[in-house]
Amino acid sequence: MKEKEIELVPGSKYVVYSVGSEKEIMQTSGTFVGYSYISKDEGGICIKMDSSHGPKEGLIRIIPIGMILAIDIIQEKKVRKKKDKEEATHYFS
């Protein structure tokens, strides 16, 4: 049986567990809004924090890819499939 490929989809809700300070695990819950470059060699995921973060609700947290320990999928949006061939644009003169 072929397993479903999982990808992070903008608008989906996740709980991300990442490395914090020393022995602490940081938990970030909210809506995935996209990816970001932190430096030339490292990227991160951007999570718009939910009400569980109190006064930080609505702020976007960038979590470096290398710091992620686990991700729980809370609510998944459907992936929009792109058409293989885009419609040609017609120009009239």
Protein backbone atom coordinates (compact mmCIF):
# COMPACT_ATOMS: atom_id res chain seq x y z
CA MET A 1 0.00 0.00 0.00
CA LYS A 2 1.38 3.40 -1.01
CA GLU A 3 1.62 5.85 1.87
CA LYS A 4 0.36 9.40 1.53
CA GLU A 5 3.10 12.00 1.10
CA ILE A 6 2.88 14.58 3.86
CA GLU A 7 3.87 18.20 3.38
CA LEU A 8 3.36 21.36 5.36
CA VAL A 9 0.47 23.30 3.83
CA PRO A 10 -0.15 27.02 4.46
CA GLY A 11 -3.32 27.47 6.53
CA SER A 12 -2.93 24.13 8.33
CA LYS A 13 -2.65 24.02 12.12
CA TYR A 14 0.33 22.35 13.76
CA VAL A 15 2.07 21.93 17.10
CA VAL A 16 5.83 22.09 16.60
CA TYR A 17 8.26 20.78 19.21
CA SER A 18 11.72 22.25 18.89
CA VAL A 19 14.96 22.60 20.82
CA GLY A 20 14.81 25.42 23.34
CA SER A 21 17.48 26.42 25.82
CA GLU A 22 19.59 23.58 27.23
CA LYS A 23 17.20 20.76 28.26
CA GLU A 24 14.01 22.66 27.44
CA ILE A 25 11.69 21.69 24.58
CA MET A 26 9.81 24.62 23.08
CA GLN A 27 6.23 24.01 21.97
CA THR A 28 4.75 26.26 19.29
CA SER A 29 1.14 25.89 18.22
CA GLY A 30 -0.59 27.76 15.47
CA THR A 31 -1.08 28.10 11.73
CA PHE A 32 1.67 27.41 9.21
CA VAL A 33 2.16 30.45 6.98
CA GLY A 34 5.25 29.48 4.98
CA TYR A 35 9.01 29.12 4.92
CA SER A 36 11.77 31.62 5.58
CA TYR A 37 15.50 31.83 5.02
CA ILE A 38 17.41 32.50 8.23
CA SER A 39 20.80 32.59 6.56
CA LYS A 40 22.38 31.51 3.30
CA ASP A 41 22.48 27.89 4.46
CA GLU A 42 19.51 27.54 6.80
CA GLY A 43 15.78 27.82 6.48
CA GLY A 44 12.91 27.80 8.89
CA ILE A 45 9.17 27.31 9.09
CA CYS A 46 6.88 30.21 9.99
CA ILE A 47 4.04 29.60 12.44
CA LYS A 48 1.44 32.25 13.33
CA MET A 49 1.01 31.60 17.05
CA ASP A 50 -2.46 30.86 18.44
CA SER A 51 -4.19 31.88 21.69
CA SER A 52 -2.22 29.33 23.73
CA HIS A 53 0.71 31.77 23.54
CA GLY A 54 -1.17 34.51 25.43
CA PRO A 55 0.05 38.01 24.52
CA LYS A 56 2.16 36.58 21.67
CA GLU A 57 -0.98 35.41 19.83
CA GLY A 58 -0.85 36.47 16.19
CA LEU A 59 2.92 36.91 16.11
CA ILE A 60 4.88 34.79 13.65
CA ARG A 61 7.58 32.52 15.07
CA ILE A 62 10.34 31.31 12.75
CA ILE A 63 11.64 27.91 13.80
CA PRO A 64 14.94 26.79 12.23
CA ILE A 65 14.57 23.48 10.39
CA GLY A 66 17.51 21.95 12.27
CA MET A 67 15.87 22.67 15.64
CA ILE A 68 12.60 20.83 14.94
CA LEU A 69 12.13 17.64 16.97
CA ALA A 70 8.55 16.73 16.01
CA ILE A 71 5.40 18.16 14.42
CA ASP A 72 1.83 17.21 15.33
CA ILE A 73 -0.76 17.79 12.62
CA ILE A 74 -3.85 19.29 14.25
CA GLN A 75 -5.89 20.39 11.23
CA GLU A 76 -4.71 19.86 7.67
CA LYS A 77 -5.77 21.99 4.71
CA LYS A 78 -6.10 20.29 1.34
CA VAL A 79 -3.16 20.59 -1.01
CA ARG A 80 -4.01 22.39 -4.21
CA LYS A 81 -2.63 20.48 -7.13
CA LYS A 82 -1.17 22.60 -9.90
CA LYS A 83 -2.24 21.81 -13.41
CA ASP A 84 0.51 20.26 -15.50
CA LYS A 85 -0.14 22.65 -18.33
CA GLU A 86 -1.10 26.20 -17.60
CA GLU A 87 -3.46 27.91 -19.97
CA ALA A 88 -1.66 29.87 -22.64
CA THR A 89 -2.18 33.59 -22.53
CA HIS A 90 -3.64 34.94 -25.75
CA TYR A 91 -2.70 38.33 -27.06
CA PHE A 92 -4.90 40.12 -29.54
CA SER A 93 -3.76 43.07 -31.62
